[in-house]
Amino acid sequence: MRYEIRVSGVLQETTRREGFPELDSVVVSGQTVLFGDVVDEAHLYGLLNRFQALGLTVTEMRQLPE
């Protein structure tokens, strides 16, 4: 499954690279958009836990078409 996850603000490259190495990212209109393959539900919840642990606000999350 591929997901797109938007967070408020622009993540520093170090935070993005170390916190979410399995995801690619772009900055759009002052938000960081991370996207990539999510293996299973446990992986998805693990990502959400990392966002929360880093104090990031997820504004949108959606599964992308295959």
PDB file of N, CA and C in Angstrom:
ATOM      1  N   MET A   1       0.843  -1.178   0.000  1.00  0.00           N
ATOM      2  CA  MET A   1       0.000   0.000   0.000  1.00  0.00           C
ATOM      3  C   MET A   1       0.886   1.238   0.000  1.00  0.00           C
ATOM      4  N   ARG A   2       0.494   2.226  -0.781  1.00  0.00           N
ATOM      5  CA  ARG A   2       1.216   3.503  -0.779  1.00  0.00           C
ATOM      6  C   ARG A   2       0.365   4.530  -0.057  1.00  0.00           C
ATOM      7  N   TYR A   3       1.022   5.340   0.773  1.00  0.00           N
ATOM      8  CA  TYR A   3       0.326   6.368   1.529  1.00  0.00           C
ATOM      9  C   TYR A   3       0.958   7.722   1.295  1.00  0.00           C
ATOM     10  N   GLU A   4       0.140   8.751   1.460  1.00  0.00           N
ATOM     11  CA  GLU A   4       0.586  10.144   1.479  1.00  0.00           C
ATOM     12  C   GLU A   4       0.172  10.707   2.831  1.00  0.00           C
ATOM     13  N   ILE A   5       1.136  11.298   3.527  1.00  0.00           N
ATOM     14  CA  ILE A   5       0.883  11.852   4.855  1.00  0.00           C
ATOM     15  C   ILE A   5       1.379  13.285   4.867  1.00  0.00           C
ATOM     16  N   ARG A   6       0.484  14.217   5.183  1.00  0.00           N
ATOM     17  CA  ARG A   6       0.834  15.639   5.248  1.00  0.00           C
ATOM     18  C   ARG A   6       0.966  16.065   6.695  1.00  0.00           C
ATOM     19  N   VAL A   7       2.028  16.823   6.965  1.00  0.00           N
ATOM     20  CA  VAL A   7       2.226  17.362   8.307  1.00  0.00           C
ATOM     21  C   VAL A   7       2.380  18.873   8.227  1.00  0.00           C
ATOM     22  N   SER A   8       1.983  19.541   9.284  1.00  0.00           N
ATOM     23  CA  SER A   8       2.113  20.994   9.346  1.00  0.00           C
ATOM     24  C   SER A   8       3.582  21.387   9.373  1.00  0.00           C
ATOM     25  N   GLY A   9       3.903  22.426   8.643  1.00  0.00           N
ATOM     26  CA  GLY A   9       5.254  22.977   8.669  1.00  0.00           C
ATOM     27  C   GLY A   9       6.220  22.239   7.758  1.00  0.00           C
ATOM     28  N   VAL A  10       7.418  22.769   7.739  1.00  0.00           N
ATOM     29  CA  VAL A  10       8.490  22.210   6.912  1.00  0.00           C
ATOM     30  C   VAL A  10       9.453  21.465   7.823  1.00  0.00           C
ATOM     31  N   LEU A  11       9.588  20.163   7.598  1.00  0.00           N
ATOM     32  CA  LEU A  11      10.510  19.362   8.403  1.00  0.00           C
ATOM     33  C   LEU A  11      11.945  19.628   7.981  1.00  0.00           C
ATOM     34  N   GLN A  12      12.818  19.703   8.955  1.00  0.00           N
ATOM     35  CA  GLN A  12      14.235  19.807   8.645  1.00  0.00           C
ATOM     36  C   GLN A  12      14.672  18.503   7.986  1.00  0.00           C
ATOM     37  N   GLU A  13      15.624  18.592   7.089  1.00  0.00           N
ATOM     38  CA  GLU A  13      16.094  17.416   6.358  1.00  0.00           C
ATOM     39  C   GLU A  13      16.558  16.317   7.308  1.00  0.00           C
ATOM     40  N   THR A  14      17.243  16.677   8.373  1.00  0.00           N
ATOM     41  CA  THR A  14      17.729  15.689   9.338  1.00  0.00           C
ATOM     42  C   THR A  14      16.576  14.957  10.000  1.00  0.00           C
ATOM     43  N   THR A  15      15.559  15.689  10.413  1.00  0.00           N
ATOM     44  CA  THR A  15      14.381  15.073  11.044  1.00  0.00           C
ATOM     45  C   THR A  15      13.693  14.140  10.069  1.00  0.00           C
ATOM     46  N   ARG A  16      13.535  14.590   8.840  1.00  0.00           N
ATOM     47  CA  ARG A  16      12.875  13.768   7.837  1.00  0.00           C
ATOM     48  C   ARG A  16      13.673  12.510   7.531  1.00  0.00           C
ATOM     49  N   ARG A  17      14.958  12.661   7.341  1.00  0.00           N
ATOM     50  CA  ARG A  17      15.815  11.533   6.961  1.00  0.00           C
ATOM     51  C   ARG A  17      15.940  10.515   8.096  1.00  0.00           C
ATOM     52  N   GLU A  18      16.129  11.002   9.328  1.00  0.00           N
ATOM     53  CA  GLU A  18      16.322  10.092  10.456  1.00  0.00           C
ATOM     54  C   GLU A  18      15.006   9.553  11.015  1.00  0.00           C
ATOM     55  N   GLY A  19      13.949  10.366  10.974  1.00  0.00           N
ATOM     56  CA  GLY A  19      12.673   9.936  11.535  1.00  0.00           C
ATOM     57  C   GLY A  19      11.854   9.067  10.605  1.00  0.00           C
ATOM     58  N   PHE A  20      12.014   9.292   9.287  1.00  0.00           N
ATOM     59  CA  PHE A  20      11.179   8.592   8.307  1.00  0.00           C
ATOM     60  C   PHE A  20      12.006   8.180   7.090  1.00  0.00           C
ATOM     61  N   PRO A  21      13.031   7.351   7.305  1.00  0.00           N
ATOM     62  CA  PRO A  21      13.934   7.015   6.200  1.00  0.00           C
ATOM     63  C   PRO A  21      13.264   6.252   5.058  1.00  0.00           C
ATOM     64  N   GLU A  22      12.142   5.604   5.346  1.00  0.00           N
ATOM     65  CA  GLU A  22      11.480   4.813   4.321  1.00  0.00           C
ATOM     66  C   GLU A  22      10.537   5.629   3.437  1.00  0.00           C
ATOM     67  N   LEU A  23      10.379   6.915   3.745  1.00  0.00           N
ATOM     68  CA  LEU A  23       9.453   7.754   2.991  1.00  0.00           C
ATOM     69  C   LEU A  23      10.190   8.840   2.220  1.00  0.00           C
ATOM     70  N   ASP A  24       9.650   9.205   1.068  1.00  0.00           N
ATOM     71  CA  ASP A  24      10.121  10.352   0.309  1.00  0.00           C
ATOM     72  C   ASP A  24       9.321  11.560   0.769  1.00  0.00           C
ATOM     73  N   SER A  25       9.799  12.765   0.446  1.00  0.00           N
ATOM     74  CA  SER A  25       9.064  13.944   0.889  1.00  0.00           C
ATOM     75  C   SER A  25       9.232  15.102  -0.082  1.00  0.00           C
ATOM     76  N   VAL A  26       8.244  15.992  -0.045  1.00  0.00           N
ATOM     77  CA  VAL A  26       8.279  17.257  -0.757  1.00  0.00           C
ATOM     78  C   VAL A  26       7.610  18.290   0.140  1.00  0.00           C
ATOM     79  N   VAL A  27       7.924  19.556  -0.098  1.00  0.00           N
ATOM     80  CA  VAL A  27       7.275  20.648   0.632  1.00  0.00           C
ATOM     81  C   VAL A  27       6.303  21.322  -0.319  1.00  0.00           C
ATOM     82  N   VAL A  28       5.047  21.452   0.130  1.00  0.00           N
ATOM     83  CA  VAL A  28       3.995  22.063  -0.673  1.00  0.00           C
ATOM     84  C   VAL A  28       3.218  23.028   0.211  1.00  0.00           C
ATOM     85  N   SER A  29       3.210  24.297  -0.164  1.00  0.00           N
ATOM     86  CA  SER A  29       2.421  25.313   0.539  1.00  0.00           C
ATOM     87  C   SER A  29       2.635  25.295   2.053  1.00  0.00           C
ATOM     88  N   GLY A  30       3.878  25.225   2.468  1.00  0.00           N
ATOM     89  CA  GLY A  30       4.193  25.284   3.894  1.00  0.00           C
ATOM     90  C   GLY A  30       3.928  24.008   4.664  1.00  0.00           C
ATOM     91  N   GLN A  31       3.610  22.941   3.968  1.00  0.00           N
ATOM     92  CA  GLN A  31       3.432  21.635   4.597  1.00  0.00           C
ATOM     93  C   GLN A  31       4.463  20.662   4.027  1.00  0.00           C
ATOM     94  N   THR A  32       4.812  19.671   4.832  1.00  0.00           N
ATOM     95  CA  THR A  32       5.664  18.601   4.330  1.00  0.00           C
ATOM     96  C   THR A  32       4.773  17.425   3.973  1.00  0.00           C
ATOM     97  N   VAL A  33       4.942  16.917   2.768  1.00  0.00           N
ATOM     98  CA  VAL A  33       4.175  15.769   2.299  1.00  0.00           C
ATOM     99  C   VAL A  33       5.142  14.594   2.208  1.00  0.00           C
ATOM    100  N   LEU A  34       4.867  13.563   2.995  1.00  0.00           N
ATOM    101  CA  LEU A  34       5.677  12.348   2.965  1.00  0.00           C
ATOM    102  C   LEU A  34       4.867  11.268   2.273  1.00  0.00           C
ATOM    103  N   PHE A  35       5.543  10.442   1.486  1.00  0.00           N
ATOM    104  CA  PHE A  35       4.817   9.407   0.760  1.00  0.00           C
ATOM    105  C   PHE A  35       5.728   8.216   0.529  1.00  0.00           C
ATOM    106  N   GLY A  36       5.089   7.062   0.444  1.00  0.00           N
ATOM    107  CA  GLY A  36       5.849   5.850   0.188  1.00  0.00           C
ATOM    108  C   GLY A  36       5.059   4.615   0.551  1.00  0.00           C
ATOM    109  N   ASP A  37       5.717   3.481   0.445  1.00  0.00           N
ATOM    110  CA  ASP A  37       5.084   2.201   0.727  1.00  0.00           C
ATOM    111  C   ASP A  37       4.956   1.978   2.221  1.00  0.00           C
ATOM    112  N   VAL A  38       3.794   1.489   2.621  1.00  0.00           N
ATOM    113  CA  VAL A  38       3.536   1.086   3.996  1.00  0.00           C
ATOM    114  C   VAL A  38       3.226  -0.403   3.937  1.00  0.00           C
ATOM    115  N   VAL A  39       4.009  -1.183   4.657  1.00  0.00           N
ATOM    116  CA  VAL A  39       3.963  -2.640   4.547  1.00  0.00           C
ATOM    117  C   VAL A  39       2.650  -3.222   5.067  1.00  0.00           C
ATOM    118  N   ASP A  40       2.235  -2.752   6.245  1.00  0.00           N
ATOM    119  CA  ASP A  40       1.021  -3.290   6.852  1.00  0.00           C
ATOM    120  C   ASP A  40       0.494  -2.295   7.881  1.00  0.00           C
ATOM    121  N   GLU A  41      -0.560  -2.689   8.568  1.00  0.00           N
ATOM    122  CA  GLU A  41      -1.189  -1.799   9.543  1.00  0.00           C
ATOM    123  C   GLU A  41      -0.240  -1.457  10.691  1.00  0.00           C
ATOM    124  N   ALA A  42       0.561  -2.406  11.120  1.00  0.00           N
ATOM    125  CA  ALA A  42       1.522  -2.155  12.200  1.00  0.00           C
ATOM    126  C   ALA A  42       2.528  -1.082  11.779  1.00  0.00           C
ATOM    127  N   HIS A  43       2.977  -1.126  10.552  1.00  0.00           N
ATOM    128  CA  HIS A  43       3.909  -0.123  10.029  1.00  0.00           C
ATOM    129  C   HIS A  43       3.246   1.254  10.034  1.00  0.00           C
ATOM    130  N   LEU A  44       1.983   1.312   9.606  1.00  0.00           N
ATOM    131  CA  LEU A  44       1.251   2.575   9.578  1.00  0.00           C
ATOM    132  C   LEU A  44       1.137   3.173  10.975  1.00  0.00           C
ATOM    133  N   TYR A  45       0.755   2.352  11.948  1.00  0.00           N
ATOM    134  CA  TYR A  45       0.649   2.853  13.317  1.00  0.00           C
ATOM    135  C   TYR A  45       2.014   3.243  13.879  1.00  0.00           C
ATOM    136  N   GLY A  46       3.054   2.543  13.469  1.00  0.00           N
ATOM    137  CA  GLY A  46       4.404   2.913  13.883  1.00  0.00           C
ATOM    138  C   GLY A  46       4.790   4.288  13.352  1.00  0.00           C
ATOM    139  N   LEU A  47       4.431   4.558  12.096  1.00  0.00           N
ATOM    140  CA  LEU A  47       4.692   5.891  11.533  1.00  0.00           C
ATOM    141  C   LEU A  47       3.949   6.963  12.322  1.00  0.00           C
ATOM    142  N   LEU A  48       2.674   6.710  12.596  1.00  0.00           N
ATOM    143  CA  LEU A  48       1.882   7.684  13.349  1.00  0.00           C
ATOM    144  C   LEU A  48       2.478   7.931  14.738  1.00  0.00           C
ATOM    145  N   ASN A  49       2.975   6.879  15.365  1.00  0.00           N
ATOM    146  CA  ASN A  49       3.630   7.034  16.672  1.00  0.00           C
ATOM    147  C   ASN A  49       4.884   7.896  16.564  1.00  0.00           C
ATOM    148  N   ARG A  50       5.643   7.725  15.479  1.00  0.00           N
ATOM    149  CA  ARG A  50       6.841   8.554  15.288  1.00  0.00           C
ATOM    150  C   ARG A  50       6.472  10.016  15.090  1.00  0.00           C
ATOM    151  N   PHE A  51       5.412  10.290  14.306  1.00  0.00           N
ATOM    152  CA  PHE A  51       4.965  11.675  14.146  1.00  0.00           C
ATOM    153  C   PHE A  51       4.628  12.275  15.502  1.00  0.00           C
ATOM    154  N   GLN A  52       3.882  11.533  16.296  1.00  0.00           N
ATOM    155  CA  GLN A  52       3.476  12.027  17.610  1.00  0.00           C
ATOM    156  C   GLN A  52       4.686  12.238  18.520  1.00  0.00           C
ATOM    157  N   ALA A  53       5.617  11.299  18.524  1.00  0.00           N
ATOM    158  CA  ALA A  53       6.802  11.404  19.387  1.00  0.00           C
ATOM    159  C   ALA A  53       7.645  12.625  19.028  1.00  0.00           C
ATOM    160  N   LEU A  54       7.633  13.010  17.759  1.00  0.00           N
ATOM    161  CA  LEU A  54       8.396  14.175  17.308  1.00  0.00           C
ATOM    162  C   LEU A  54       7.603  15.478  17.436  1.00  0.00           C
ATOM    163  N   GLY A  55       6.366  15.383  17.939  1.00  0.00           N
ATOM    164  CA  GLY A  55       5.543  16.570  18.132  1.00  0.00           C
ATOM    165  C   GLY A  55       5.003  17.150  16.844  1.00  0.00           C
ATOM    166  N   LEU A  56       4.870  16.309  15.812  1.00  0.00           N
ATOM    167  CA  LEU A  56       4.391  16.769  14.514  1.00  0.00           C
ATOM    168  C   LEU A  56       2.877  16.602  14.413  1.00  0.00           C
ATOM    169  N   THR A  57       2.231  17.513  13.709  1.00  0.00           N
ATOM    170  CA  THR A  57       0.790  17.457  13.528  1.00  0.00           C
ATOM    171  C   THR A  57       0.470  16.919  12.139  1.00  0.00           C
ATOM    172  N   VAL A  58      -0.163  15.766  12.094  1.00  0.00           N
ATOM    173  CA  VAL A  58      -0.606  15.182  10.831  1.00  0.00           C
ATOM    174  C   VAL A  58      -1.911  15.876  10.448  1.00  0.00           C
ATOM    175  N   THR A  59      -1.927  16.514   9.284  1.00  0.00           N
ATOM    176  CA  THR A  59      -3.127  17.221   8.845  1.00  0.00           C
ATOM    177  C   THR A  59      -3.967  16.405   7.875  1.00  0.00           C
ATOM    178  N   GLU A  60      -3.325  15.451   7.211  1.00  0.00           N
ATOM    179  CA  GLU A  60      -4.058  14.598   6.259  1.00  0.00           C
ATOM    180  C   GLU A  60      -3.266  13.332   6.005  1.00  0.00           C
ATOM    181  N   MET A  61      -3.998  12.240   5.844  1.00  0.00           N
ATOM    182  CA  MET A  61      -3.369  10.968   5.532  1.00  0.00           C
ATOM    183  C   MET A  61      -4.313  10.228   4.594  1.00  0.00           C
ATOM    184  N   ARG A  62      -3.763   9.704   3.500  1.00  0.00           N
ATOM    185  CA  ARG A  62      -4.620   8.951   2.590  1.00  0.00           C
ATOM    186  C   ARG A  62      -3.839   7.869   1.885  1.00  0.00           C
ATOM    187  N   GLN A  63      -4.561   6.801   1.587  1.00  0.00           N
ATOM    188  CA  GLN A  63      -3.968   5.719   0.817  1.00  0.00           C
ATOM    189  C   GLN A  63      -4.029   6.111  -0.649  1.00  0.00           C
ATOM    190  N   LEU A  64      -2.918   5.941  -1.347  1.00  0.00           N
ATOM    191  CA  LEU A  64      -2.832   6.274  -2.762  1.00  0.00           C
ATOM    192  C   LEU A  64      -3.254   5.076  -3.602  1.00  0.00           C
ATOM    193  N   PRO A  65      -3.816   5.344  -4.787  1.00  0.00           N
ATOM    194  CA  PRO A  65      -4.173   4.223  -5.660  1.00  0.00           C
ATOM    195  C   PRO A  65      -2.925   3.439  -6.075  1.00  0.00           C
ATOM    196  N   GLU A  66      -3.099   2.172  -6.249  1.00  0.00           N
ATOM    197  CA  GLU A  66      -1.980   1.299  -6.640  1.00  0.00           C
ATOM    198  C   GLU A  66      -1.526   1.595  -8.041  1.00  0.00           C
TER     199      GLU A  66
END
